[in-house]
């Protein structure tokens, strides 16, 4: 299985042989959804807390006589019925953690990567050397690749210049290959990765998916719409 390689100018720079069990894994949207939901749940702090009527300060005395006032029967001004009273059935600290097996998480990542390839939203660069970490350098690379929507930039190891150059760009996130996850793959429209990152992913997760795979070709990307002329 081959993937096209591009340079930073957006021109073709050859092809690279890749493993079908990494980039041609069948779509498993239910698995991707399950793993992504667990990822989001595990990010929750679970520290939300409200006070019950037993925890709110005050309210020990009966606010008014039981009878002959014309009002309803009340035993405490900290009842949930009163303004300033305790909260009934409010949130309490809890763990939202969901456990998913390691193999499920890995196959979900491979399925999401393969979906990006089939949809024509996976770009492989021969290198991503940015000398100064200037934002305009990364913006120029993305513009040359005709990327206008959100993008996930994947490198083989953390690259400080790439991280710095991407920091001020809206909808651009950078990650080293060993920490990519289904949440970021699903949230970003396009994935840009270097050849070294591809090899790192193959070393990490090649052979995880052991069933038969069917190689496919990516869908052709639609041409960019011309910008509307400015109104006079």
Protein backbone atom coordinates (compact mmCIF):
# COMPACT_ATOMS: atom_id res chain seq x y z
CA UNK A 1 0.00 0.00 0.00
CA UNK A 2 1.37 3.40 -0.99
CA UNK A 3 0.77 6.94 0.21
CA UNK A 4 1.69 10.06 -1.71
CA UNK A 5 4.34 12.27 -0.13
CA UNK A 6 4.26 16.04 -0.48
CA UNK A 7 6.79 18.70 0.34
CA UNK A 8 6.14 21.93 2.23
CA UNK A 9 5.29 23.67 -1.05
CA UNK A 10 2.42 21.27 -1.69
CA UNK A 11 4.17 19.50 -4.57
CA UNK A 12 4.37 15.74 -4.95
CA UNK A 13 7.63 14.28 -3.65
CA UNK A 14 7.12 10.60 -4.41
CA UNK A 15 5.39 7.77 -2.58
CA UNK A 16 5.89 5.79 0.59
CA UNK A 17 5.05 2.15 1.28
CA UNK A 18 2.88 1.79 4.38
CA UNK A 19 1.27 -1.09 6.23
CA UNK A 20 -2.34 -1.85 5.26
CA UNK A 21 -3.05 -3.00 8.81
CA UNK A 22 -2.47 0.60 9.90
CA UNK A 23 -3.93 2.71 7.09
CA UNK A 24 -6.54 0.36 5.57
CA UNK A 25 -8.42 -0.74 8.69
CA UNK A 26 -12.22 -0.93 8.16
CA UNK A 27 -14.38 1.81 9.62
CA UNK A 28 -15.55 0.98 13.11
CA UNK A 29 -17.57 4.03 14.03
CA UNK A 30 -19.24 2.42 17.03
CA UNK A 31 -15.82 1.58 18.48
CA UNK A 32 -14.48 5.07 17.73
CA UNK A 33 -17.55 6.56 19.42
CA UNK A 34 -17.13 4.36 22.49
CA UNK A 35 -13.44 5.18 22.89
CA UNK A 36 -13.99 8.91 22.26
CA UNK A 37 -16.84 9.04 24.78
CA UNK A 38 -14.63 7.32 27.36
CA UNK A 39 -11.83 9.80 26.61
CA UNK A 40 -14.15 12.75 27.22
CA UNK A 41 -15.54 11.17 30.39
CA UNK A 42 -12.04 10.60 31.76
CA UNK A 43 -11.23 14.29 31.28
CA UNK A 44 -14.02 15.31 33.66
CA UNK A 45 -12.90 16.40 37.11
CA UNK A 46 -16.07 15.22 38.82
CA UNK A 47 -15.73 17.86 41.57
CA UNK A 48 -19.14 19.55 41.19
CA UNK A 49 -20.80 19.82 44.59
CA UNK A 50 -23.84 21.57 46.05
CA UNK A 51 -24.95 21.74 49.67
CA UNK A 52 -27.98 19.86 50.92
CA UNK A 53 -30.35 21.26 53.54
CA UNK A 54 -28.22 19.55 56.19
CA UNK A 55 -25.06 21.34 55.02
CA UNK A 56 -26.37 24.89 54.54
CA UNK A 57 -25.61 27.20 57.45
CA UNK A 58 -28.55 28.22 59.66
CA UNK A 59 -32.16 27.15 59.61
CA UNK A 60 -32.27 25.45 62.98
CA UNK A 61 -35.36 27.28 64.27
CA UNK A 62 -38.85 26.78 62.92
CA UNK A 63 -39.53 29.93 60.87
CA UNK A 64 -43.18 30.35 61.90
CA UNK A 65 -45.84 28.59 63.94
CA UNK A 66 -47.29 25.42 62.55
CA UNK A 67 -50.87 26.75 62.51
CA UNK A 68 -52.98 29.92 62.46
CA UNK A 69 -50.70 32.04 60.21
CA UNK A 70 -52.34 31.31 56.88
CA UNK A 71 -49.01 30.15 55.50
CA UNK A 72 -47.78 26.72 54.60
CA UNK A 73 -46.14 24.43 57.12
CA UNK A 74 -42.40 25.05 57.27
CA UNK A 75 -39.77 23.58 59.55
CA UNK A 76 -36.60 25.31 58.33
CA UNK A 77 -35.60 28.28 56.19
CA UNK A 78 -32.97 26.03 54.61
CA UNK A 79 -35.53 23.75 52.99
CA UNK A 80 -34.99 23.34 49.22
CA UNK A 81 -38.27 25.23 48.79
CA UNK A 82 -36.75 28.41 50.19
CA UNK A 83 -34.41 30.88 48.52
CA UNK A 84 -31.02 30.26 50.08
CA UNK A 85 -32.00 26.75 51.07
CA UNK A 86 -30.19 23.52 50.30
CA UNK A 87 -30.22 21.87 46.91
CA UNK A 88 -32.29 18.72 46.45
CA UNK A 89 -30.64 16.02 44.33
CA UNK A 90 -27.70 18.26 43.44
CA UNK A 91 -24.36 17.02 42.08
CA UNK A 92 -21.87 15.40 44.42
CA UNK A 93 -18.20 14.54 43.78
CA UNK A 94 -17.91 11.36 41.76
CA UNK A 95 -15.66 9.62 39.27
CA UNK A 96 -16.76 9.57 35.63
CA UNK A 97 -13.91 7.29 34.62
CA UNK A 98 -14.60 4.68 31.95
CA UNK A 99 -12.13 1.88 31.36
CA UNK A 100 -11.50 0.67 27.82
CA UNK A 101 -9.11 -2.16 26.90
CA UNK A 102 -5.81 -1.11 25.35
CA UNK A 103 -6.46 -3.07 22.15
CA UNK A 104 -9.82 -1.34 21.66
CA UNK A 105 -8.18 2.08 21.98
CA UNK A 106 -5.47 1.16 19.48
CA UNK A 107 -7.87 -0.25 16.90
CA UNK A 108 -10.05 2.87 17.27
CA UNK A 109 -7.01 5.03 16.48
CA UNK A 110 -6.18 2.92 13.41
CA UNK A 111 -9.81 3.03 12.25
CA UNK A 112 -9.89 6.82 12.56
CA UNK A 113 -6.56 7.16 10.71
CA UNK A 114 -7.77 4.88 7.93
CA UNK A 115 -10.98 6.89 7.62
CA UNK A 116 -8.93 10.06 7.17
CA UNK A 117 -6.95 8.37 4.40
CA UNK A 118 -10.07 7.08 2.61
CA UNK A 119 -11.70 10.51 2.79
CA UNK A 120 -8.62 12.19 1.30
CA UNK A 121 -7.91 14.07 4.51
CA UNK A 122 -4.50 12.56 5.30
CA UNK A 123 -1.40 14.44 4.10
CA UNK A 124 2.11 13.01 4.44
CA UNK A 125 5.06 15.42 4.31
CA UNK A 126 8.64 14.46 3.57
CA UNK A 127 9.72 16.78 6.38
CA UNK A 128 8.40 19.64 8.48
CA UNK A 129 11.56 21.54 9.33
CA UNK A 130 10.67 25.00 10.61
CA UNK A 131 13.75 27.01 11.47
CA UNK A 132 12.54 29.94 13.53
CA UNK A 133 9.19 28.90 14.96
CA UNK A 134 7.45 31.84 13.28
CA UNK A 135 3.69 31.57 12.87
CA UNK A 136 3.90 32.74 9.26
CA UNK A 137 6.07 29.73 8.37
CA UNK A 138 3.46 27.22 9.52
CA UNK A 139 0.68 29.31 7.97
CA UNK A 140 2.58 29.26 4.66
CA UNK A 141 2.92 25.45 4.78
CA UNK A 142 -0.80 24.95 5.45
CA UNK A 143 -1.69 27.44 2.71
CA UNK A 144 0.54 25.56 0.23
CA UNK A 145 -1.25 22.32 1.15
CA UNK A 146 -4.63 24.02 0.57
CA UNK A 147 -5.72 23.34 4.15
CA UNK A 148 -8.34 25.82 5.31
CA UNK A 149 -10.16 23.86 8.03
CA UNK A 150 -9.00 22.42 11.33
CA UNK A 151 -5.83 20.33 11.19
CA UNK A 152 -3.87 17.95 13.42
CA UNK A 153 -0.11 18.09 12.80
CA UNK A 154 1.69 14.90 13.84
CA UNK A 155 5.47 14.66 14.23
CA UNK A 156 7.59 11.71 15.28
CA UNK A 157 8.90 13.50 18.39
CA UNK A 158 7.89 16.81 20.03
CA UNK A 159 9.25 19.62 17.86
CA UNK A 160 9.47 22.93 19.71
CA UNK A 161 9.62 25.04 16.53
CA UNK A 162 6.53 23.35 15.09
CA UNK A 163 4.67 23.73 18.38
CA UNK A 164 5.60 27.42 18.66
CA UNK A 165 4.75 28.15 15.03
CA UNK A 166 1.33 26.52 15.38
CA UNK A 167 0.38 27.98 18.74
CA UNK A 168 -1.26 31.15 17.42
CA UNK A 169 -3.05 29.51 14.50
CA UNK A 170 -6.73 28.88 15.01
CA UNK A 171 -7.85 25.23 14.81
CA UNK A 172 -4.30 23.85 14.55
CA UNK A 173 -3.04 21.29 17.08
CA UNK A 174 0.32 19.53 17.16
CA UNK A 175 1.05 16.15 18.74
CA UNK A 176 3.90 13.64 18.69
CA UNK A 177 2.99 10.32 17.09
CA UNK A 178 2.96 8.27 20.28
CA UNK A 179 0.17 10.31 21.93
CA UNK A 180 -2.35 10.70 19.10
CA UNK A 181 -5.86 9.73 20.11
CA UNK A 182 -9.29 9.23 18.61
CA UNK A 183 -10.66 12.47 20.07
CA UNK A 184 -8.17 14.67 18.21
CA UNK A 185 -8.41 12.58 15.04
CA UNK A 186 -12.20 12.91 15.02
CA UNK A 187 -12.24 16.61 15.94
CA UNK A 188 -9.83 17.74 13.23
CA UNK A 189 -10.81 17.78 9.56
CA UNK A 190 -7.32 17.04 8.20
CA UNK A 191 -4.31 15.15 9.54
CA UNK A 192 -0.83 16.20 8.44
CA UNK A 193 2.04 13.94 9.44
CA UNK A 194 5.67 13.54 8.52
CA UNK A 195 7.20 10.38 7.06
CA UNK A 196 9.00 9.80 10.35
CA UNK A 197 5.67 10.03 12.19
CA UNK A 198 4.18 7.43 9.83
CA UNK A 199 7.05 5.06 10.60
CA UNK A 200 6.67 5.69 14.33
CA UNK A 201 2.95 4.84 14.18
CA UNK A 202 3.69 1.67 12.23
CA UNK A 203 6.27 0.63 14.81
CA UNK A 204 3.84 1.30 17.66
CA UNK A 205 0.61 -0.19 16.34
CA UNK A 206 1.47 -2.26 13.29
CA UNK A 207 0.12 -5.77 13.77
CA UNK A 208 -2.54 -4.76 16.31
CA UNK A 209 -5.32 -5.29 13.77
CA UNK A 210 -4.96 -8.91 12.68
CA UNK A 211 -8.03 -9.36 10.47
CA UNK A 212 -7.97 -9.10 6.67
CA UNK A 213 -7.84 -5.57 5.31
CA UNK A 214 -8.85 -4.27 1.92
CA UNK A 215 -6.70 -1.59 0.36
CA UNK A 216 -8.55 1.40 -1.03
CA UNK A 217 -7.78 4.67 -2.73
CA UNK A 218 -8.58 8.02 -1.16
CA UNK A 219 -11.46 10.09 -2.44
CA UNK A 220 -10.37 13.02 -4.60
CA UNK A 221 -10.55 16.28 -2.70
CA UNK A 222 -12.95 18.89 -4.01
CA UNK A 223 -11.35 21.96 -5.50
CA UNK A 224 -11.29 25.00 -3.26
CA UNK A 225 -14.12 27.43 -3.92
CA UNK A 226 -12.99 30.79 -5.30
CA UNK A 227 -13.29 33.66 -2.87
CA UNK A 228 -16.22 35.99 -3.47
CA UNK A 229 -15.34 39.40 -4.79
CA UNK A 230 -15.47 42.20 -2.25
CA UNK A 231 -18.54 44.40 -2.41
CA UNK A 232 -17.87 47.93 -3.62
